[in-house]
Structures are given as structure tokens and as C-alpha cells.
Amino acid sequence: MTPAQPKGQALPAVGNSPGGDGSAAGGMTPFDETYDQPDPRAYFRALGPWEYQTPHHAQSVFRHLLSTCGPSKDAAGPAAVLDICCSYGFNAALLNHHLTWNDLYAHYTSAHATGLSTTELIEWDREFYAAHRRPDAVRVVGLDAAPRAVAYARAVGLLDEAFAENLETAPAGPALRDAVRGTRLITLTGGASFLSPRTFQPLLDSVRGPVQVAAFVLRTGSYQAIADCLATYGLTTEKSVERTYPQRRFTGAREQQYAVTAVLAAGEDPRGKESDGYFHTALYLSRPAADAVRTP
């Protein structure tokens, strides 16, 4: 599956992790125990049966958007891409390697991977990713509140720099601010409902030059507060109207009822999407107003 290039509309006054937007109380099954393991194997074992797939949909979208960005300033140090809620570095893996999301599922659930220690898996992964590295790979900085997940992504070479910081609860550290100053594309495929302007403000305050923000957001929540924040930095937010993107299958009737009710409350139509058994995300793209006018 290859997502078509999205068409957009101006964002009207209208979260996102594979498992839950925080807790089962929100109506979603939590997979919290998989988010900060020493390596990603438990993550893929837990989410594989539910067909979690957002990074797959994001892969070609992010590559296309990156091709439209100008070069980073001070390319010797700063990032071209900042991946928020980066987890184990999956978006970087798909952006910078000749690999698919199904390849990662097969890799981490294989009999060989199952038999390795985490130390052995890291060594195997270093070779695995090096063998599939794209010649046009870009610098990626990862940000996530899960320290072991980002440490893994850094150890295997998926992230050039990795920061285990929660900007919702603490200010951005000086090393993070310095690392993101050359960012041209900010990406987000999970965790939007955990985030507020508190996360985006210090990052955008640090970025030099124009930047785009591409976020896949569950249709059960609103992106408006973040879009309003981005607008104060001169970024116009558009929502793709061409399609939505399946996130994962529901774990049961309770989740589906929660999702259908939430989507209806958000003014969206669940028919053919949540009513058919899957959470769906919408793609939001924020960029300088001139770019949005020039290329809708």
C-alpha cells in the first residue's frame, strides 16, 4: 500500500498511540507495558495481532514532504527531521532504509530475534539497518518520554540524537534545543492526544528557518489546540480530505463503541472506517502560509 499524496483543506474548528490515549478509562485498550522495553520485540508481538500500521502510511508521505523542504542550516549538527514520540525509532527506520513496516514486523517476531538477548539484538540490528541504509538518508533526532526506547533507537543507529524528555512536564533541555535548530520537518505518528502546545513551543522557538509539521492524529480527538499554537509561528494547518488512514483493529466491542461515539462527537462520519472495525487517523500538515497557498 502506498498512500496517495494528500489533498488538503484549511483546518476547521473541528491522540494517538498504538494502544491507548493514556488509559483504558479513555475507552482504548492500553499497551503501556510495550512502550519502554529494552528493545521492540514485545511491541511487535503485542500490536501485530491488531494490525497496527500508522508508520506504514506515514513512510511515503514523510519522504515526499522531506523532498519539498529546503536544506537544513548548519547541516553538520542539527536535524533535518525531528520525530516526536519517536518510540524505538520506527519512523527513522522507514524513512532512511530500504525497508517496509512488514519487514520490521517480520524481523522482530522472527525465531532468530526471539532467541537473542537485548545486547545481541542490538548488534544484529546494527548490521541489519546498515545493510539496508538508503544513500539519501537524512539526519533524524528523536524525542520521547520513554528512556529505554530512545536508548535502543540510538544504540542501533536509527537516531542521530535521542532525547528522553517530557516537555509536557518539564522545559526542554539545552542539548535538545540545540539539536533541533536545523529541523525542516517535524513528524508525529503516535501520541498526539498526550501533547499540547507545551511540547511544540520550545521546539519551534529553537528551530531556525522554515519548518513543516506532519501529524497522523486519531479521529477520536482534536488537533485544534496544537494547530492554534502552530499558527502563532506562521504555520497554516491543513487536514487531508482525500482519505483517512487505518491505525489498528479494535480489540473488542468496547473499543469500537468508544471510537464511534468519539468520532461522532468530533463531527466526523464513522461509516466505512470505525464502523468497519478499525481506528483511523487523519493527516494534518502545517507549513508556512505561502507554501500552503502555492501548493494546496
Protein backbone atom coordinates (compact mmCIF):
# COMPACT_ATOMS: atom_id res chain seq x y z
CA MET A 1 0.00 0.00 0.00
CA THR A 2 1.33 3.42 -0.93
CA PRO A 3 -0.59 6.48 0.28
CA ALA A 4 -1.55 8.91 -2.45
CA GLN A 5 -0.26 12.42 -1.98
CA PRO A 6 -2.82 14.11 0.24
CA LYS A 7 -5.07 16.93 -0.77
CA GLY A 8 -5.91 19.40 1.95
CA GLN A 9 -8.37 21.87 3.30
CA ALA A 10 -7.95 24.66 5.80
CA LEU A 11 -8.36 23.25 9.30
CA PRO A 12 -11.83 23.95 10.67
CA ALA A 13 -12.66 24.27 14.35
CA VAL A 14 -13.25 20.66 14.41
CA GLY A 15 -4.29 11.22 20.37
CA ASN A 16 -2.56 8.85 19.13
CA SER A 17 -0.51 5.89 20.25
CA PRO A 18 -1.00 2.33 19.03
CA GLY A 19 -2.72 1.18 22.18
CA GLY A 20 -4.31 3.81 24.32
CA ASP A 21 -4.55 7.53 24.61
CA GLY A 22 -3.41 7.15 28.17
CA SER A 23 -5.57 4.51 29.79
CA ALA A 24 -8.43 2.09 29.41
CA ALA A 25 -10.60 4.72 31.09
CA GLY A 26 -10.43 6.67 27.84
CA GLY A 27 -12.06 3.76 26.08
CA MET A 28 -8.92 2.33 24.46
CA THR A 29 -7.01 -0.79 25.38
CA PRO A 30 -3.66 0.27 26.87
CA PHE A 31 -0.43 -1.29 25.63
CA ASP A 32 1.66 0.76 28.03
CA GLU A 33 3.92 -2.14 29.00
CA THR A 34 5.32 -2.30 25.46
CA TYR A 35 6.38 1.33 25.10
CA ASP A 36 9.56 1.35 27.20
CA GLN A 37 11.11 -2.09 26.99
CA PRO A 38 14.84 -2.51 26.35
CA ASP A 39 14.03 -3.45 22.73
CA PRO A 40 10.98 -3.50 20.40
CA ARG A 41 10.16 -7.22 20.38
CA ALA A 42 7.31 -7.02 22.90
CA TYR A 43 5.88 -4.05 20.99
CA PHE A 44 5.58 -6.02 17.77
CA ARG A 45 4.28 -9.13 19.50
CA ALA A 46 1.56 -7.14 21.22
CA LEU A 47 0.47 -4.98 18.30
CA GLY A 48 0.90 -7.43 15.43
CA PRO A 49 -2.42 -9.23 16.06
CA TRP A 50 -4.23 -5.87 15.86
CA GLU A 51 -2.53 -4.83 12.61
CA TYR A 52 -1.05 -1.57 13.87
CA GLN A 53 0.13 0.23 10.70
CA THR A 54 0.40 4.02 11.03
CA PRO A 55 4.17 4.13 10.31
CA HIS A 56 3.48 2.28 7.05
CA HIS A 57 1.11 5.01 5.89
CA ALA A 58 3.49 7.73 7.03
CA GLN A 59 6.54 6.36 5.21
CA SER A 60 5.89 7.70 1.70
CA VAL A 61 4.17 10.84 3.00
CA PHE A 62 7.19 11.84 5.09
CA ARG A 63 9.61 11.07 2.27
CA HIS A 64 7.60 13.23 -0.10
CA LEU A 65 7.35 16.12 2.35
CA LEU A 66 11.06 15.96 3.11
CA SER A 67 11.79 16.31 -0.60
CA THR A 68 9.92 19.63 -0.60
CA CYS A 69 11.88 21.07 2.33
CA GLY A 70 14.91 23.28 1.92
CA PRO A 71 18.29 22.23 3.30
CA SER A 72 18.98 22.45 7.00
CA LYS A 73 21.11 25.29 8.26
CA ASP A 74 24.37 24.25 9.90
CA ALA A 75 23.99 20.76 8.41
CA ALA A 76 26.99 19.48 10.33
CA GLY A 77 24.98 19.27 13.52
CA PRO A 78 21.23 19.97 13.55
CA ALA A 79 18.49 17.61 12.45
CA ALA A 80 16.67 17.58 9.15
CA VAL A 81 13.83 15.64 10.81
CA LEU A 82 12.53 15.73 14.37
CA ASP A 83 10.33 12.74 15.23
CA ILE A 84 8.15 13.47 18.27
CA CYS A 85 7.02 10.42 20.26
CA CYS A 86 9.66 8.51 18.32
CA SER A 87 9.42 5.32 20.39
CA TYR A 88 12.03 2.80 19.16
CA GLY A 89 12.85 4.84 16.05
CA PHE A 90 10.43 3.22 13.63
CA ASN A 91 9.78 6.31 11.53
CA ALA A 92 13.51 6.85 11.12
CA ALA A 93 13.89 3.19 10.16
CA LEU A 94 11.33 3.54 7.38
CA LEU A 95 12.48 6.97 6.25
CA ASN A 96 16.16 6.11 5.93
CA HIS A 97 16.22 2.44 4.94
CA HIS A 98 15.03 0.21 2.12
CA LEU A 99 12.54 -1.45 4.46
CA THR A 100 8.78 -1.66 4.89
CA TRP A 101 6.67 -1.84 8.03
CA ASN A 102 6.01 -5.53 7.27
CA ASP A 103 9.77 -6.05 7.11
CA LEU A 104 10.09 -4.73 10.66
CA TYR A 105 7.27 -6.96 11.89
CA ALA A 106 8.95 -10.00 10.31
CA HIS A 107 12.36 -9.02 11.68
CA TYR A 108 11.34 -8.56 15.31
CA THR A 109 9.00 -11.54 15.52
CA SER A 110 11.39 -13.96 13.77
CA ALA A 111 12.66 -17.07 15.53
CA HIS A 112 16.20 -15.67 15.36
CA ALA A 113 15.24 -12.41 17.07
CA THR A 114 13.28 -14.26 19.73
CA GLY A 115 16.36 -16.21 20.78
CA LEU A 116 18.66 -13.22 21.27
CA SER A 117 19.45 -11.21 24.35
CA THR A 118 18.89 -7.46 24.07
CA THR A 119 22.64 -6.93 23.70
CA GLU A 120 22.78 -9.50 20.91
CA LEU A 121 19.72 -7.99 19.24
CA ILE A 122 21.32 -4.54 19.23
CA GLU A 123 24.40 -5.93 17.49
CA TRP A 124 22.24 -7.79 14.95
CA ASP A 125 20.15 -4.66 14.35
CA ARG A 126 23.20 -2.51 13.73
CA GLU A 127 24.16 -4.83 10.89
CA PHE A 128 20.57 -5.15 9.69
CA TYR A 129 19.99 -1.41 9.37
CA ALA A 130 23.45 -0.70 7.97
CA ALA A 131 22.80 -3.23 5.19
CA HIS A 132 19.54 -1.51 4.23
CA ARG A 133 20.62 2.14 4.60
CA ARG A 134 19.43 4.43 1.82
CA PRO A 135 22.05 6.63 0.11
CA ASP A 136 19.79 9.66 0.65
CA ALA A 137 19.37 9.07 4.39
CA VAL A 138 18.77 12.21 6.42
CA ARG A 139 19.63 13.23 9.94
CA VAL A 140 16.88 12.34 12.43
CA VAL A 141 16.52 13.43 16.04
CA GLY A 142 14.07 11.55 18.24
CA LEU A 143 12.08 12.80 21.21
CA ASP A 144 10.12 10.52 23.54
CA ALA A 145 9.41 10.26 27.24
CA ALA A 146 10.44 6.56 27.21
CA PRO A 147 14.18 6.43 28.01
CA ARG A 148 14.81 2.78 27.17
CA ALA A 149 13.03 3.04 23.83
CA VAL A 150 15.06 6.03 22.67
CA ALA A 151 18.26 4.47 24.02
CA TYR A 152 17.62 1.43 21.83
CA ALA A 153 16.98 3.58 18.75
CA ARG A 154 20.20 5.47 19.35
CA ALA A 155 22.20 2.31 20.03
CA VAL A 156 21.27 0.65 16.73
CA GLY A 157 21.89 3.81 14.71
CA LEU A 158 18.34 4.77 13.80
CA LEU A 159 18.54 8.16 15.51
CA ASP A 160 21.44 10.58 15.24
CA GLU A 161 20.44 12.08 18.58
CA ALA A 162 17.80 10.87 21.04
CA PHE A 163 16.19 12.70 23.94
CA ALA A 164 14.11 11.10 26.70
CA GLU A 165 12.30 14.25 27.76
CA ASN A 166 8.66 15.02 28.50
CA LEU A 167 8.06 18.63 27.51
CA GLU A 168 4.55 18.49 28.90
CA THR A 169 6.00 18.39 32.41
CA ALA A 170 9.47 19.95 32.16
CA PRO A 171 11.27 22.54 29.99
CA ALA A 172 13.35 21.42 27.04
CA GLY A 173 16.98 20.89 27.90
CA PRO A 174 19.68 22.95 26.17
CA ALA A 175 21.04 19.94 24.25
CA LEU A 176 17.60 19.24 22.77
CA ARG A 177 17.11 22.88 21.83
CA ASP A 178 20.48 22.88 20.12
CA ALA A 179 19.88 19.58 18.31
CA VAL A 180 16.60 20.68 16.68
CA ARG A 181 17.62 24.08 15.41
CA GLY A 182 18.12 22.89 11.81
CA THR A 183 14.87 20.91 11.67
CA ARG A 184 12.92 21.17 8.43
CA LEU A 185 10.27 18.51 9.09
CA ILE A 186 8.63 17.58 12.39
CA THR A 187 6.83 14.22 12.32
CA LEU A 188 4.30 12.60 14.62
CA THR A 189 2.59 9.22 14.17
CA GLY A 190 1.57 8.48 17.75
CA GLY A 191 0.85 10.30 20.97
CA ALA A 192 -0.95 13.40 19.70
CA SER A 193 -3.61 13.17 22.39
CA PHE A 194 -0.89 13.28 25.06
CA LEU A 195 0.51 16.52 23.66
CA SER A 196 -0.32 20.21 23.96
CA PRO A 197 1.34 23.47 22.89
CA ARG A 198 3.75 22.96 25.81
CA THR A 199 5.62 20.39 23.72
CA PHE A 200 5.69 22.36 20.49
CA GLN A 201 6.52 25.85 21.74
CA PRO A 202 10.11 25.24 22.93
CA LEU A 203 10.87 23.20 19.82
CA LEU A 204 9.60 25.84 17.41
CA ASP A 205 11.32 28.55 19.43
CA SER A 206 14.57 26.71 18.73
CA VAL A 207 14.14 25.99 15.02
CA ARG A 208 15.94 28.26 12.56
CA GLY A 209 14.22 28.80 9.25
CA PRO A 210 11.02 27.36 7.79
CA VAL A 211 9.64 24.08 9.08
CA GLN A 212 6.74 21.75 8.29
CA VAL A 213 4.83 19.66 10.82
CA ALA A 214 3.14 16.43 9.65
CA ALA A 215 0.97 14.58 12.16
CA PHE A 216 -1.21 11.47 11.94
CA VAL A 217 -3.91 12.00 14.56
CA LEU A 218 -6.66 9.66 15.70
CA ARG A 219 -10.10 10.82 14.62
CA THR A 220 -11.33 10.27 18.19
CA GLY A 221 -9.66 13.50 19.34
CA SER A 222 -8.99 17.08 18.30
CA TYR A 223 -5.78 18.62 16.94
CA GLN A 224 -7.12 22.16 17.22
CA ALA A 225 -5.11 23.34 20.23
CA ILE A 226 -1.85 22.29 18.60
CA ALA A 227 -2.88 23.81 15.26
CA ASP A 228 -3.66 27.09 17.02
CA CYS A 229 -0.21 27.01 18.61
CA LEU A 230 1.47 26.35 15.26
CA ALA A 231 -0.43 29.28 13.76
CA THR A 232 1.36 31.63 16.15
CA TYR A 233 4.59 30.55 14.42
CA GLY A 234 3.22 31.37 10.98
CA LEU A 235 2.23 27.81 10.10
CA THR A 236 -1.08 27.13 8.35
CA THR A 237 -2.58 23.75 9.22
CA GLU A 238 -4.48 21.73 6.65
CA LYS A 239 -6.29 18.44 7.13
CA SER A 240 -6.20 15.82 4.40
CA VAL A 241 -9.68 15.30 2.97
CA GLU A 242 -8.71 12.77 0.32
CA ARG A 243 -8.52 9.84 2.70
CA THR A 244 -8.07 8.64 6.25
CA TYR A 245 -5.55 6.03 7.38
CA PRO A 246 -6.32 2.82 9.33
CA GLN A 247 -4.38 2.75 12.59
CA ARG A 248 -5.22 -0.69 14.03
CA ARG A 249 -8.11 -3.07 14.57
CA PHE A 250 -10.23 -2.72 17.67
CA THR A 251 -9.55 -5.17 20.47
CA GLY A 252 -13.25 -5.59 21.08
CA ALA A 253 -16.74 -4.13 21.02
CA ARG A 254 -15.98 -1.74 23.89
CA GLU A 255 -13.20 -0.03 21.98
CA GLN A 256 -15.31 0.20 18.85
CA GLN A 257 -18.22 1.79 20.69
CA TYR A 258 -15.84 4.29 22.28
CA ALA A 259 -14.35 5.19 18.90
CA VAL A 260 -17.65 5.53 17.07
CA THR A 261 -19.06 7.73 19.83
CA ALA A 262 -15.93 9.92 19.94
CA VAL A 263 -15.78 10.31 16.16
CA LEU A 264 -19.43 11.33 16.00
CA ALA A 265 -18.84 13.83 18.82
CA ALA A 266 -15.98 15.30 16.77
CA GLY A 267 -18.36 15.85 13.87
CA GLU A 268 -16.91 13.08 11.71
CA ASP A 269 -18.60 10.13 9.97
CA PRO A 270 -17.51 6.67 11.21
CA ARG A 271 -19.17 4.78 8.35
CA GLY A 272 -16.71 2.65 6.40
CA LYS A 273 -13.99 3.45 8.93
CA GLU A 274 -14.51 2.98 12.65
CA SER A 275 -17.80 1.21 11.95
CA ASP A 276 -15.81 -1.36 9.96
CA GLY A 277 -13.57 -2.28 12.88
CA TYR A 278 -10.50 -0.01 12.76
CA PHE A 279 -9.28 3.14 14.43
CA HIS A 280 -8.49 5.69 11.72
CA THR A 281 -6.15 8.66 11.71
CA ALA A 282 -6.30 11.91 9.76
CA LEU A 283 -3.21 13.57 8.34
CA TYR A 284 -2.58 17.18 9.36
CA LEU A 285 0.08 19.23 7.60
CA SER A 286 1.27 22.56 8.99
CA ARG A 287 3.60 24.76 6.93
CA PRO A 288 4.34 28.40 6.14
CA ALA A 289 1.28 30.14 4.76
CA ALA A 290 2.97 30.94 1.44
CA ASP A 291 3.66 27.25 0.86
CA ALA A 292 0.05 26.33 1.61
CA VAL A 293 -1.20 28.91 -0.89
CA ARG A 294 1.30 27.88 -3.56
CA THR A 295 0.66 24.12 -3.22
CA PRO A 296 -2.71 23.29 -1.63
